[in-house]
Amino acid sequence: PLTAKAFELTRIITVGGYAIQPVWA
């Protein structure tokens, strides 16, 4: 089960020139 914190975005990291990596609370 995912808690409310699972849907809180704390930051986004750009990975190379091809992807993003979201960091969740």
PDBML (XML) file of the C-alpha atoms, coordinates in Angstrom:
<?xml version="1.0" encoding="UTF-8" ?>
<PDBx:datablock datablockName="MODEL"
   xmlns:PDBx="http://pdbml.pdb.org/schema/pdbx-v50.xsd"
   xmlns:xsi="http://www.w3.org/2001/XMLSchema-instance"
   xsi:schemaLocation="http://pdbml.pdb.org/schema/pdbx-v50.xsd pdbx-v50.xsd">
   <PDBx:atom_siteCategory>
      <PDBx:atom_site id="1">
         <PDBx:B_iso_or_equiv>0.00</PDBx:B_iso_or_equiv>
         <PDBx:Cartn_x>0.000</PDBx:Cartn_x>
         <PDBx:Cartn_y>0.000</PDBx:Cartn_y>
         <PDBx:Cartn_z>0.000</PDBx:Cartn_z>
         <PDBx:auth_asym_id>A</PDBx:auth_asym_id>
         <PDBx:auth_atom_id>CA</PDBx:auth_atom_id>
         <PDBx:auth_comp_id>PRO</PDBx:auth_comp_id>
         <PDBx:auth_seq_id>1</PDBx:auth_seq_id>
         <PDBx:group_PDB>ATOM</PDBx:group_PDB>
         <PDBx:label_alt_id xsi:nil="true" />
         <PDBx:label_asym_id>A</PDBx:label_asym_id>
         <PDBx:label_atom_id>CA</PDBx:label_atom_id>
         <PDBx:label_comp_id>PRO</PDBx:label_comp_id>
         <PDBx:label_entity_id>1</PDBx:label_entity_id>
         <PDBx:label_seq_id>1</PDBx:label_seq_id>
         <PDBx:occupancy>1.00</PDBx:occupancy>
         <PDBx:pdbx_PDB_model_num>1</PDBx:pdbx_PDB_model_num>
         <PDBx:type_symbol>C</PDBx:type_symbol>
      </PDBx:atom_site>
      <PDBx:atom_site id="2">
         <PDBx:B_iso_or_equiv>0.00</PDBx:B_iso_or_equiv>
         <PDBx:Cartn_x>1.209</PDBx:Cartn_x>
         <PDBx:Cartn_y>3.490</PDBx:Cartn_y>
         <PDBx:Cartn_z>-0.811</PDBx:Cartn_z>
         <PDBx:auth_asym_id>A</PDBx:auth_asym_id>
         <PDBx:auth_atom_id>CA</PDBx:auth_atom_id>
         <PDBx:auth_comp_id>LEU</PDBx:auth_comp_id>
         <PDBx:auth_seq_id>2</PDBx:auth_seq_id>
         <PDBx:group_PDB>ATOM</PDBx:group_PDB>
         <PDBx:label_alt_id xsi:nil="true" />
         <PDBx:label_asym_id>A</PDBx:label_asym_id>
         <PDBx:label_atom_id>CA</PDBx:label_atom_id>
         <PDBx:label_comp_id>LEU</PDBx:label_comp_id>
         <PDBx:label_entity_id>1</PDBx:label_entity_id>
         <PDBx:label_seq_id>2</PDBx:label_seq_id>
         <PDBx:occupancy>1.00</PDBx:occupancy>
         <PDBx:pdbx_PDB_model_num>1</PDBx:pdbx_PDB_model_num>
         <PDBx:type_symbol>C</PDBx:type_symbol>
      </PDBx:atom_site>
      <PDBx:atom_site id="3">
         <PDBx:B_iso_or_equiv>0.00</PDBx:B_iso_or_equiv>
         <PDBx:Cartn_x>0.907</PDBx:Cartn_x>
         <PDBx:Cartn_y>6.258</PDBx:Cartn_y>
         <PDBx:Cartn_z>1.769</PDBx:Cartn_z>
         <PDBx:auth_asym_id>A</PDBx:auth_asym_id>
         <PDBx:auth_atom_id>CA</PDBx:auth_atom_id>
         <PDBx:auth_comp_id>THR</PDBx:auth_comp_id>
         <PDBx:auth_seq_id>3</PDBx:auth_seq_id>
         <PDBx:group_PDB>ATOM</PDBx:group_PDB>
         <PDBx:label_alt_id xsi:nil="true" />
         <PDBx:label_asym_id>A</PDBx:label_asym_id>
         <PDBx:label_atom_id>CA</PDBx:label_atom_id>
         <PDBx:label_comp_id>THR</PDBx:label_comp_id>
         <PDBx:label_entity_id>1</PDBx:label_entity_id>
         <PDBx:label_seq_id>3</PDBx:label_seq_id>
         <PDBx:occupancy>1.00</PDBx:occupancy>
         <PDBx:pdbx_PDB_model_num>1</PDBx:pdbx_PDB_model_num>
         <PDBx:type_symbol>C</PDBx:type_symbol>
      </PDBx:atom_site>
      <PDBx:atom_site id="4">
         <PDBx:B_iso_or_equiv>0.00</PDBx:B_iso_or_equiv>
         <PDBx:Cartn_x>0.150</PDBx:Cartn_x>
         <PDBx:Cartn_y>9.897</PDBx:Cartn_y>
         <PDBx:Cartn_z>0.986</PDBx:Cartn_z>
         <PDBx:auth_asym_id>A</PDBx:auth_asym_id>
         <PDBx:auth_atom_id>CA</PDBx:auth_atom_id>
         <PDBx:auth_comp_id>ALA</PDBx:auth_comp_id>
         <PDBx:auth_seq_id>4</PDBx:auth_seq_id>
         <PDBx:group_PDB>ATOM</PDBx:group_PDB>
         <PDBx:label_alt_id xsi:nil="true" />
         <PDBx:label_asym_id>A</PDBx:label_asym_id>
         <PDBx:label_atom_id>CA</PDBx:label_atom_id>
         <PDBx:label_comp_id>ALA</PDBx:label_comp_id>
         <PDBx:label_entity_id>1</PDBx:label_entity_id>
         <PDBx:label_seq_id>4</PDBx:label_seq_id>
         <PDBx:occupancy>1.00</PDBx:occupancy>
         <PDBx:pdbx_PDB_model_num>1</PDBx:pdbx_PDB_model_num>
         <PDBx:type_symbol>C</PDBx:type_symbol>
      </PDBx:atom_site>
      <PDBx:atom_site id="5">
         <PDBx:B_iso_or_equiv>0.00</PDBx:B_iso_or_equiv>
         <PDBx:Cartn_x>3.914</PDBx:Cartn_x>
         <PDBx:Cartn_y>10.600</PDBx:Cartn_y>
         <PDBx:Cartn_z>1.039</PDBx:Cartn_z>
         <PDBx:auth_asym_id>A</PDBx:auth_asym_id>
         <PDBx:auth_atom_id>CA</PDBx:auth_atom_id>
         <PDBx:auth_comp_id>LYS</PDBx:auth_comp_id>
         <PDBx:auth_seq_id>5</PDBx:auth_seq_id>
         <PDBx:group_PDB>ATOM</PDBx:group_PDB>
         <PDBx:label_alt_id xsi:nil="true" />
         <PDBx:label_asym_id>A</PDBx:label_asym_id>
         <PDBx:label_atom_id>CA</PDBx:label_atom_id>
         <PDBx:label_comp_id>LYS</PDBx:label_comp_id>
         <PDBx:label_entity_id>1</PDBx:label_entity_id>
         <PDBx:label_seq_id>5</PDBx:label_seq_id>
         <PDBx:occupancy>1.00</PDBx:occupancy>
         <PDBx:pdbx_PDB_model_num>1</PDBx:pdbx_PDB_model_num>
         <PDBx:type_symbol>C</PDBx:type_symbol>
      </PDBx:atom_site>
      <PDBx:atom_site id="6">
         <PDBx:B_iso_or_equiv>0.00</PDBx:B_iso_or_equiv>
         <PDBx:Cartn_x>4.298</PDBx:Cartn_x>
         <PDBx:Cartn_y>8.241</PDBx:Cartn_y>
         <PDBx:Cartn_z>-1.922</PDBx:Cartn_z>
         <PDBx:auth_asym_id>A</PDBx:auth_asym_id>
         <PDBx:auth_atom_id>CA</PDBx:auth_atom_id>
         <PDBx:auth_comp_id>ALA</PDBx:auth_comp_id>
         <PDBx:auth_seq_id>6</PDBx:auth_seq_id>
         <PDBx:group_PDB>ATOM</PDBx:group_PDB>
         <PDBx:label_alt_id xsi:nil="true" />
         <PDBx:label_asym_id>A</PDBx:label_asym_id>
         <PDBx:label_atom_id>CA</PDBx:label_atom_id>
         <PDBx:label_comp_id>ALA</PDBx:label_comp_id>
         <PDBx:label_entity_id>1</PDBx:label_entity_id>
         <PDBx:label_seq_id>6</PDBx:label_seq_id>
         <PDBx:occupancy>1.00</PDBx:occupancy>
         <PDBx:pdbx_PDB_model_num>1</PDBx:pdbx_PDB_model_num>
         <PDBx:type_symbol>C</PDBx:type_symbol>
      </PDBx:atom_site>
      <PDBx:atom_site id="7">
         <PDBx:B_iso_or_equiv>0.00</PDBx:B_iso_or_equiv>
         <PDBx:Cartn_x>2.586</PDBx:Cartn_x>
         <PDBx:Cartn_y>10.848</PDBx:Cartn_y>
         <PDBx:Cartn_z>-4.108</PDBx:Cartn_z>
         <PDBx:auth_asym_id>A</PDBx:auth_asym_id>
         <PDBx:auth_atom_id>CA</PDBx:auth_atom_id>
         <PDBx:auth_comp_id>PHE</PDBx:auth_comp_id>
         <PDBx:auth_seq_id>7</PDBx:auth_seq_id>
         <PDBx:group_PDB>ATOM</PDBx:group_PDB>
         <PDBx:label_alt_id xsi:nil="true" />
         <PDBx:label_asym_id>A</PDBx:label_asym_id>
         <PDBx:label_atom_id>CA</PDBx:label_atom_id>
         <PDBx:label_comp_id>PHE</PDBx:label_comp_id>
         <PDBx:label_entity_id>1</PDBx:label_entity_id>
         <PDBx:label_seq_id>7</PDBx:label_seq_id>
         <PDBx:occupancy>1.00</PDBx:occupancy>
         <PDBx:pdbx_PDB_model_num>1</PDBx:pdbx_PDB_model_num>
         <PDBx:type_symbol>C</PDBx:type_symbol>
      </PDBx:atom_site>
      <PDBx:atom_site id="8">
         <PDBx:B_iso_or_equiv>0.00</PDBx:B_iso_or_equiv>
         <PDBx:Cartn_x>4.562</PDBx:Cartn_x>
         <PDBx:Cartn_y>13.873</PDBx:Cartn_y>
         <PDBx:Cartn_z>-2.854</PDBx:Cartn_z>
         <PDBx:auth_asym_id>A</PDBx:auth_asym_id>
         <PDBx:auth_atom_id>CA</PDBx:auth_atom_id>
         <PDBx:auth_comp_id>GLU</PDBx:auth_comp_id>
         <PDBx:auth_seq_id>8</PDBx:auth_seq_id>
         <PDBx:group_PDB>ATOM</PDBx:group_PDB>
         <PDBx:label_alt_id xsi:nil="true" />
         <PDBx:label_asym_id>A</PDBx:label_asym_id>
         <PDBx:label_atom_id>CA</PDBx:label_atom_id>
         <PDBx:label_comp_id>GLU</PDBx:label_comp_id>
         <PDBx:label_entity_id>1</PDBx:label_entity_id>
         <PDBx:label_seq_id>8</PDBx:label_seq_id>
         <PDBx:occupancy>1.00</PDBx:occupancy>
         <PDBx:pdbx_PDB_model_num>1</PDBx:pdbx_PDB_model_num>
         <PDBx:type_symbol>C</PDBx:type_symbol>
      </PDBx:atom_site>
      <PDBx:atom_site id="9">
         <PDBx:B_iso_or_equiv>0.00</PDBx:B_iso_or_equiv>
         <PDBx:Cartn_x>7.327</PDBx:Cartn_x>
         <PDBx:Cartn_y>14.811</PDBx:Cartn_y>
         <PDBx:Cartn_z>-5.253</PDBx:Cartn_z>
         <PDBx:auth_asym_id>A</PDBx:auth_asym_id>
         <PDBx:auth_atom_id>CA</PDBx:auth_atom_id>
         <PDBx:auth_comp_id>LEU</PDBx:auth_comp_id>
         <PDBx:auth_seq_id>9</PDBx:auth_seq_id>
         <PDBx:group_PDB>ATOM</PDBx:group_PDB>
         <PDBx:label_alt_id xsi:nil="true" />
         <PDBx:label_asym_id>A</PDBx:label_asym_id>
         <PDBx:label_atom_id>CA</PDBx:label_atom_id>
         <PDBx:label_comp_id>LEU</PDBx:label_comp_id>
         <PDBx:label_entity_id>1</PDBx:label_entity_id>
         <PDBx:label_seq_id>9</PDBx:label_seq_id>
         <PDBx:occupancy>1.00</PDBx:occupancy>
         <PDBx:pdbx_PDB_model_num>1</PDBx:pdbx_PDB_model_num>
         <PDBx:type_symbol>C</PDBx:type_symbol>
      </PDBx:atom_site>
      <PDBx:atom_site id="10">
         <PDBx:B_iso_or_equiv>0.00</PDBx:B_iso_or_equiv>
         <PDBx:Cartn_x>10.419</PDBx:Cartn_x>
         <PDBx:Cartn_y>16.234</PDBx:Cartn_y>
         <PDBx:Cartn_z>-3.547</PDBx:Cartn_z>
         <PDBx:auth_asym_id>A</PDBx:auth_asym_id>
         <PDBx:auth_atom_id>CA</PDBx:auth_atom_id>
         <PDBx:auth_comp_id>THR</PDBx:auth_comp_id>
         <PDBx:auth_seq_id>10</PDBx:auth_seq_id>
         <PDBx:group_PDB>ATOM</PDBx:group_PDB>
         <PDBx:label_alt_id xsi:nil="true" />
         <PDBx:label_asym_id>A</PDBx:label_asym_id>
         <PDBx:label_atom_id>CA</PDBx:label_atom_id>
         <PDBx:label_comp_id>THR</PDBx:label_comp_id>
         <PDBx:label_entity_id>1</PDBx:label_entity_id>
         <PDBx:label_seq_id>10</PDBx:label_seq_id>
         <PDBx:occupancy>1.00</PDBx:occupancy>
         <PDBx:pdbx_PDB_model_num>1</PDBx:pdbx_PDB_model_num>
         <PDBx:type_symbol>C</PDBx:type_symbol>
      </PDBx:atom_site>
      <PDBx:atom_site id="11">
         <PDBx:B_iso_or_equiv>0.00</PDBx:B_iso_or_equiv>
         <PDBx:Cartn_x>12.577</PDBx:Cartn_x>
         <PDBx:Cartn_y>16.722</PDBx:Cartn_y>
         <PDBx:Cartn_z>-6.646</PDBx:Cartn_z>
         <PDBx:auth_asym_id>A</PDBx:auth_asym_id>
         <PDBx:auth_atom_id>CA</PDBx:auth_atom_id>
         <PDBx:auth_comp_id>ARG</PDBx:auth_comp_id>
         <PDBx:auth_seq_id>11</PDBx:auth_seq_id>
         <PDBx:group_PDB>ATOM</PDBx:group_PDB>
         <PDBx:label_alt_id xsi:nil="true" />
         <PDBx:label_asym_id>A</PDBx:label_asym_id>
         <PDBx:label_atom_id>CA</PDBx:label_atom_id>
         <PDBx:label_comp_id>ARG</PDBx:label_comp_id>
         <PDBx:label_entity_id>1</PDBx:label_entity_id>
         <PDBx:label_seq_id>11</PDBx:label_seq_id>
         <PDBx:occupancy>1.00</PDBx:occupancy>
         <PDBx:pdbx_PDB_model_num>1</PDBx:pdbx_PDB_model_num>
         <PDBx:type_symbol>C</PDBx:type_symbol>
      </PDBx:atom_site>
      <PDBx:atom_site id="12">
         <PDBx:B_iso_or_equiv>0.00</PDBx:B_iso_or_equiv>
         <PDBx:Cartn_x>13.316</PDBx:Cartn_x>
         <PDBx:Cartn_y>15.515</PDBx:Cartn_y>
         <PDBx:Cartn_z>-10.156</PDBx:Cartn_z>
         <PDBx:auth_asym_id>A</PDBx:auth_asym_id>
         <PDBx:auth_atom_id>CA</PDBx:auth_atom_id>
         <PDBx:auth_comp_id>ILE</PDBx:auth_comp_id>
         <PDBx:auth_seq_id>12</PDBx:auth_seq_id>
         <PDBx:group_PDB>ATOM</PDBx:group_PDB>
         <PDBx:label_alt_id xsi:nil="true" />
         <PDBx:label_asym_id>A</PDBx:label_asym_id>
         <PDBx:label_atom_id>CA</PDBx:label_atom_id>
         <PDBx:label_comp_id>ILE</PDBx:label_comp_id>
         <PDBx:label_entity_id>1</PDBx:label_entity_id>
         <PDBx:label_seq_id>12</PDBx:label_seq_id>
         <PDBx:occupancy>1.00</PDBx:occupancy>
         <PDBx:pdbx_PDB_model_num>1</PDBx:pdbx_PDB_model_num>
         <PDBx:type_symbol>C</PDBx:type_symbol>
      </PDBx:atom_site>
      <PDBx:atom_site id="13">
         <PDBx:B_iso_or_equiv>0.00</PDBx:B_iso_or_equiv>
         <PDBx:Cartn_x>16.773</PDBx:Cartn_x>
         <PDBx:Cartn_y>14.529</PDBx:Cartn_y>
         <PDBx:Cartn_z>-11.345</PDBx:Cartn_z>
         <PDBx:auth_asym_id>A</PDBx:auth_asym_id>
         <PDBx:auth_atom_id>CA</PDBx:auth_atom_id>
         <PDBx:auth_comp_id>ILE</PDBx:auth_comp_id>
         <PDBx:auth_seq_id>13</PDBx:auth_seq_id>
         <PDBx:group_PDB>ATOM</PDBx:group_PDB>
         <PDBx:label_alt_id xsi:nil="true" />
         <PDBx:label_asym_id>A</PDBx:label_asym_id>
         <PDBx:label_atom_id>CA</PDBx:label_atom_id>
         <PDBx:label_comp_id>ILE</PDBx:label_comp_id>
         <PDBx:label_entity_id>1</PDBx:label_entity_id>
         <PDBx:label_seq_id>13</PDBx:label_seq_id>
         <PDBx:occupancy>1.00</PDBx:occupancy>
         <PDBx:pdbx_PDB_model_num>1</PDBx:pdbx_PDB_model_num>
         <PDBx:type_symbol>C</PDBx:type_symbol>
      </PDBx:atom_site>
      <PDBx:atom_site id="14">
         <PDBx:B_iso_or_equiv>0.00</PDBx:B_iso_or_equiv>
         <PDBx:Cartn_x>17.602</PDBx:Cartn_x>
         <PDBx:Cartn_y>14.597</PDBx:Cartn_y>
         <PDBx:Cartn_z>-15.056</PDBx:Cartn_z>
         <PDBx:auth_asym_id>A</PDBx:auth_asym_id>
         <PDBx:auth_atom_id>CA</PDBx:auth_atom_id>
         <PDBx:auth_comp_id>THR</PDBx:auth_comp_id>
         <PDBx:auth_seq_id>14</PDBx:auth_seq_id>
         <PDBx:group_PDB>ATOM</PDBx:group_PDB>
         <PDBx:label_alt_id xsi:nil="true" />
         <PDBx:label_asym_id>A</PDBx:label_asym_id>
         <PDBx:label_atom_id>CA</PDBx:label_atom_id>
         <PDBx:label_comp_id>THR</PDBx:label_comp_id>
         <PDBx:label_entity_id>1</PDBx:label_entity_id>
         <PDBx:label_seq_id>14</PDBx:label_seq_id>
         <PDBx:occupancy>1.00</PDBx:occupancy>
         <PDBx:pdbx_PDB_model_num>1</PDBx:pdbx_PDB_model_num>
         <PDBx:type_symbol>C</PDBx:type_symbol>
      </PDBx:atom_site>
      <PDBx:atom_site id="15">
         <PDBx:B_iso_or_equiv>0.00</PDBx:B_iso_or_equiv>
         <PDBx:Cartn_x>19.475</PDBx:Cartn_x>
         <PDBx:Cartn_y>11.445</PDBx:Cartn_y>
         <PDBx:Cartn_z>-16.080</PDBx:Cartn_z>
         <PDBx:auth_asym_id>A</PDBx:auth_asym_id>
         <PDBx:auth_atom_id>CA</PDBx:auth_atom_id>
         <PDBx:auth_comp_id>VAL</PDBx:auth_comp_id>
         <PDBx:auth_seq_id>15</PDBx:auth_seq_id>
         <PDBx:group_PDB>ATOM</PDBx:group_PDB>
         <PDBx:label_alt_id xsi:nil="true" />
         <PDBx:label_asym_id>A</PDBx:label_asym_id>
         <PDBx:label_atom_id>CA</PDBx:label_atom_id>
         <PDBx:label_comp_id>VAL</PDBx:label_comp_id>
         <PDBx:label_entity_id>1</PDBx:label_entity_id>
         <PDBx:label_seq_id>15</PDBx:label_seq_id>
         <PDBx:occupancy>1.00</PDBx:occupancy>
         <PDBx:pdbx_PDB_model_num>1</PDBx:pdbx_PDB_model_num>
         <PDBx:type_symbol>C</PDBx:type_symbol>
      </PDBx:atom_site>
      <PDBx:atom_site id="16">
         <PDBx:B_iso_or_equiv>0.00</PDBx:B_iso_or_equiv>
         <PDBx:Cartn_x>21.730</PDBx:Cartn_x>
         <PDBx:Cartn_y>12.024</PDBx:Cartn_y>
         <PDBx:Cartn_z>-19.065</PDBx:Cartn_z>
         <PDBx:auth_asym_id>A</PDBx:auth_asym_id>
         <PDBx:auth_atom_id>CA</PDBx:auth_atom_id>
         <PDBx:auth_comp_id>GLY</PDBx:auth_comp_id>
         <PDBx:auth_seq_id>16</PDBx:auth_seq_id>
         <PDBx:group_PDB>ATOM</PDBx:group_PDB>
         <PDBx:label_alt_id xsi:nil="true" />
         <PDBx:label_asym_id>A</PDBx:label_asym_id>
         <PDBx:label_atom_id>CA</PDBx:label_atom_id>
         <PDBx:label_comp_id>GLY</PDBx:label_comp_id>
         <PDBx:label_entity_id>1</PDBx:label_entity_id>
         <PDBx:label_seq_id>16</PDBx:label_seq_id>
         <PDBx:occupancy>1.00</PDBx:occupancy>
         <PDBx:pdbx_PDB_model_num>1</PDBx:pdbx_PDB_model_num>
         <PDBx:type_symbol>C</PDBx:type_symbol>
      </PDBx:atom_site>
      <PDBx:atom_site id="17">
         <PDBx:B_iso_or_equiv>0.00</PDBx:B_iso_or_equiv>
         <PDBx:Cartn_x>19.800</PDBx:Cartn_x>
         <PDBx:Cartn_y>13.222</PDBx:Cartn_y>
         <PDBx:Cartn_z>-22.069</PDBx:Cartn_z>
         <PDBx:auth_asym_id>A</PDBx:auth_asym_id>
         <PDBx:auth_atom_id>CA</PDBx:auth_atom_id>
         <PDBx:auth_comp_id>GLY</PDBx:auth_comp_id>
         <PDBx:auth_seq_id>17</PDBx:auth_seq_id>
         <PDBx:group_PDB>ATOM</PDBx:group_PDB>
         <PDBx:label_alt_id xsi:nil="true" />
         <PDBx:label_asym_id>A</PDBx:label_asym_id>
         <PDBx:label_atom_id>CA</PDBx:label_atom_id>
         <PDBx:label_comp_id>GLY</PDBx:label_comp_id>
         <PDBx:label_entity_id>1</PDBx:label_entity_id>
         <PDBx:label_seq_id>17</PDBx:label_seq_id>
         <PDBx:occupancy>1.00</PDBx:occupancy>
         <PDBx:pdbx_PDB_model_num>1</PDBx:pdbx_PDB_model_num>
         <PDBx:type_symbol>C</PDBx:type_symbol>
      </PDBx:atom_site>
      <PDBx:atom_site id="18">
         <PDBx:B_iso_or_equiv>0.00</PDBx:B_iso_or_equiv>
         <PDBx:Cartn_x>17.185</PDBx:Cartn_x>
         <PDBx:Cartn_y>10.498</PDBx:Cartn_y>
         <PDBx:Cartn_z>-21.961</PDBx:Cartn_z>
         <PDBx:auth_asym_id>A</PDBx:auth_asym_id>
         <PDBx:auth_atom_id>CA</PDBx:auth_atom_id>
         <PDBx:auth_comp_id>TYR</PDBx:auth_comp_id>
         <PDBx:auth_seq_id>18</PDBx:auth_seq_id>
         <PDBx:group_PDB>ATOM</PDBx:group_PDB>
         <PDBx:label_alt_id xsi:nil="true" />
         <PDBx:label_asym_id>A</PDBx:label_asym_id>
         <PDBx:label_atom_id>CA</PDBx:label_atom_id>
         <PDBx:label_comp_id>TYR</PDBx:label_comp_id>
         <PDBx:label_entity_id>1</PDBx:label_entity_id>
         <PDBx:label_seq_id>18</PDBx:label_seq_id>
         <PDBx:occupancy>1.00</PDBx:occupancy>
         <PDBx:pdbx_PDB_model_num>1</PDBx:pdbx_PDB_model_num>
         <PDBx:type_symbol>C</PDBx:type_symbol>
      </PDBx:atom_site>
      <PDBx:atom_site id="19">
         <PDBx:B_iso_or_equiv>0.00</PDBx:B_iso_or_equiv>
         <PDBx:Cartn_x>15.274</PDBx:Cartn_x>
         <PDBx:Cartn_y>10.245</PDBx:Cartn_y>
         <PDBx:Cartn_z>-18.657</PDBx:Cartn_z>
         <PDBx:auth_asym_id>A</PDBx:auth_asym_id>
         <PDBx:auth_atom_id>CA</PDBx:auth_atom_id>
         <PDBx:auth_comp_id>ALA</PDBx:auth_comp_id>
         <PDBx:auth_seq_id>19</PDBx:auth_seq_id>
         <PDBx:group_PDB>ATOM</PDBx:group_PDB>
         <PDBx:label_alt_id xsi:nil="true" />
         <PDBx:label_asym_id>A</PDBx:label_asym_id>
         <PDBx:label_atom_id>CA</PDBx:label_atom_id>
         <PDBx:label_comp_id>ALA</PDBx:label_comp_id>
         <PDBx:label_entity_id>1</PDBx:label_entity_id>
         <PDBx:label_seq_id>19</PDBx:label_seq_id>
         <PDBx:occupancy>1.00</PDBx:occupancy>
         <PDBx:pdbx_PDB_model_num>1</PDBx:pdbx_PDB_model_num>
         <PDBx:type_symbol>C</PDBx:type_symbol>
      </PDBx:atom_site>
      <PDBx:atom_site id="20">
         <PDBx:B_iso_or_equiv>0.00</PDBx:B_iso_or_equiv>
         <PDBx:Cartn_x>14.077</PDBx:Cartn_x>
         <PDBx:Cartn_y>11.765</PDBx:Cartn_y>
         <PDBx:Cartn_z>-15.414</PDBx:Cartn_z>
         <PDBx:auth_asym_id>A</PDBx:auth_asym_id>
         <PDBx:auth_atom_id>CA</PDBx:auth_atom_id>
         <PDBx:auth_comp_id>ILE</PDBx:auth_comp_id>
         <PDBx:auth_seq_id>20</PDBx:auth_seq_id>
         <PDBx:group_PDB>ATOM</PDBx:group_PDB>
         <PDBx:label_alt_id xsi:nil="true" />
         <PDBx:label_asym_id>A</PDBx:label_asym_id>
         <PDBx:label_atom_id>CA</PDBx:label_atom_id>
         <PDBx:label_comp_id>ILE</PDBx:label_comp_id>
         <PDBx:label_entity_id>1</PDBx:label_entity_id>
         <PDBx:label_seq_id>20</PDBx:label_seq_id>
         <PDBx:occupancy>1.00</PDBx:occupancy>
         <PDBx:pdbx_PDB_model_num>1</PDBx:pdbx_PDB_model_num>
         <PDBx:type_symbol>C</PDBx:type_symbol>
      </PDBx:atom_site>
      <PDBx:atom_site id="21">
         <PDBx:B_iso_or_equiv>0.00</PDBx:B_iso_or_equiv>
         <PDBx:Cartn_x>14.290</PDBx:Cartn_x>
         <PDBx:Cartn_y>10.250</PDBx:Cartn_y>
         <PDBx:Cartn_z>-11.944</PDBx:Cartn_z>
         <PDBx:auth_asym_id>A</PDBx:auth_asym_id>
         <PDBx:auth_atom_id>CA</PDBx:auth_atom_id>
         <PDBx:auth_comp_id>GLN</PDBx:auth_comp_id>
         <PDBx:auth_seq_id>21</PDBx:auth_seq_id>
         <PDBx:group_PDB>ATOM</PDBx:group_PDB>
         <PDBx:label_alt_id xsi:nil="true" />
         <PDBx:label_asym_id>A</PDBx:label_asym_id>
         <PDBx:label_atom_id>CA</PDBx:label_atom_id>
         <PDBx:label_comp_id>GLN</PDBx:label_comp_id>
         <PDBx:label_entity_id>1</PDBx:label_entity_id>
         <PDBx:label_seq_id>21</PDBx:label_seq_id>
         <PDBx:occupancy>1.00</PDBx:occupancy>
         <PDBx:pdbx_PDB_model_num>1</PDBx:pdbx_PDB_model_num>
         <PDBx:type_symbol>C</PDBx:type_symbol>
      </PDBx:atom_site>
      <PDBx:atom_site id="22">
         <PDBx:B_iso_or_equiv>0.00</PDBx:B_iso_or_equiv>
         <PDBx:Cartn_x>11.578</PDBx:Cartn_x>
         <PDBx:Cartn_y>11.460</PDBx:Cartn_y>
         <PDBx:Cartn_z>-9.558</PDBx:Cartn_z>
         <PDBx:auth_asym_id>A</PDBx:auth_asym_id>
         <PDBx:auth_atom_id>CA</PDBx:auth_atom_id>
         <PDBx:auth_comp_id>PRO</PDBx:auth_comp_id>
         <PDBx:auth_seq_id>22</PDBx:auth_seq_id>
         <PDBx:group_PDB>ATOM</PDBx:group_PDB>
         <PDBx:label_alt_id xsi:nil="true" />
         <PDBx:label_asym_id>A</PDBx:label_asym_id>
         <PDBx:label_atom_id>CA</PDBx:label_atom_id>
         <PDBx:label_comp_id>PRO</PDBx:label_comp_id>
         <PDBx:label_entity_id>1</PDBx:label_entity_id>
         <PDBx:label_seq_id>22</PDBx:label_seq_id>
         <PDBx:occupancy>1.00</PDBx:occupancy>
         <PDBx:pdbx_PDB_model_num>1</PDBx:pdbx_PDB_model_num>
         <PDBx:type_symbol>C</PDBx:type_symbol>
      </PDBx:atom_site>
      <PDBx:atom_site id="23">
         <PDBx:B_iso_or_equiv>0.00</PDBx:B_iso_or_equiv>
         <PDBx:Cartn_x>12.382</PDBx:Cartn_x>
         <PDBx:Cartn_y>11.472</PDBx:Cartn_y>
         <PDBx:Cartn_z>-5.847</PDBx:Cartn_z>
         <PDBx:auth_asym_id>A</PDBx:auth_asym_id>
         <PDBx:auth_atom_id>CA</PDBx:auth_atom_id>
         <PDBx:auth_comp_id>VAL</PDBx:auth_comp_id>
         <PDBx:auth_seq_id>23</PDBx:auth_seq_id>
         <PDBx:group_PDB>ATOM</PDBx:group_PDB>
         <PDBx:label_alt_id xsi:nil="true" />
         <PDBx:label_asym_id>A</PDBx:label_asym_id>
         <PDBx:label_atom_id>CA</PDBx:label_atom_id>
         <PDBx:label_comp_id>VAL</PDBx:label_comp_id>
         <PDBx:label_entity_id>1</PDBx:label_entity_id>
         <PDBx:label_seq_id>23</PDBx:label_seq_id>
         <PDBx:occupancy>1.00</PDBx:occupancy>
         <PDBx:pdbx_PDB_model_num>1</PDBx:pdbx_PDB_model_num>
         <PDBx:type_symbol>C</PDBx:type_symbol>
      </PDBx:atom_site>
      <PDBx:atom_site id="24">
         <PDBx:B_iso_or_equiv>0.00</PDBx:B_iso_or_equiv>
         <PDBx:Cartn_x>9.307</PDBx:Cartn_x>
         <PDBx:Cartn_y>10.907</PDBx:Cartn_y>
         <PDBx:Cartn_z>-3.695</PDBx:Cartn_z>
         <PDBx:auth_asym_id>A</PDBx:auth_asym_id>
         <PDBx:auth_atom_id>CA</PDBx:auth_atom_id>
         <PDBx:auth_comp_id>TRP</PDBx:auth_comp_id>
         <PDBx:auth_seq_id>24</PDBx:auth_seq_id>
         <PDBx:group_PDB>ATOM</PDBx:group_PDB>
         <PDBx:label_alt_id xsi:nil="true" />
         <PDBx:label_asym_id>A</PDBx:label_asym_id>
         <PDBx:label_atom_id>CA</PDBx:label_atom_id>
         <PDBx:label_comp_id>TRP</PDBx:label_comp_id>
         <PDBx:label_entity_id>1</PDBx:label_entity_id>
         <PDBx:label_seq_id>24</PDBx:label_seq_id>
         <PDBx:occupancy>1.00</PDBx:occupancy>
         <PDBx:pdbx_PDB_model_num>1</PDBx:pdbx_PDB_model_num>
         <PDBx:type_symbol>C</PDBx:type_symbol>
      </PDBx:atom_site>
      <PDBx:atom_site id="25">
         <PDBx:B_iso_or_equiv>0.00</PDBx:B_iso_or_equiv>
         <PDBx:Cartn_x>8.708</PDBx:Cartn_x>
         <PDBx:Cartn_y>11.990</PDBx:Cartn_y>
         <PDBx:Cartn_z>-0.081</PDBx:Cartn_z>
         <PDBx:auth_asym_id>A</PDBx:auth_asym_id>
         <PDBx:auth_atom_id>CA</PDBx:auth_atom_id>
         <PDBx:auth_comp_id>ALA</PDBx:auth_comp_id>
         <PDBx:auth_seq_id>25</PDBx:auth_seq_id>
         <PDBx:group_PDB>ATOM</PDBx:group_PDB>
         <PDBx:label_alt_id xsi:nil="true" />
         <PDBx:label_asym_id>A</PDBx:label_asym_id>
         <PDBx:label_atom_id>CA</PDBx:label_atom_id>
         <PDBx:label_comp_id>ALA</PDBx:label_comp_id>
         <PDBx:label_entity_id>1</PDBx:label_entity_id>
         <PDBx:label_seq_id>25</PDBx:label_seq_id>
         <PDBx:occupancy>1.00</PDBx:occupancy>
         <PDBx:pdbx_PDB_model_num>1</PDBx:pdbx_PDB_model_num>
         <PDBx:type_symbol>C</PDBx:type_symbol>
      </PDBx:atom_site>
   </PDBx:atom_siteCategory>
</PDBx:datablock>
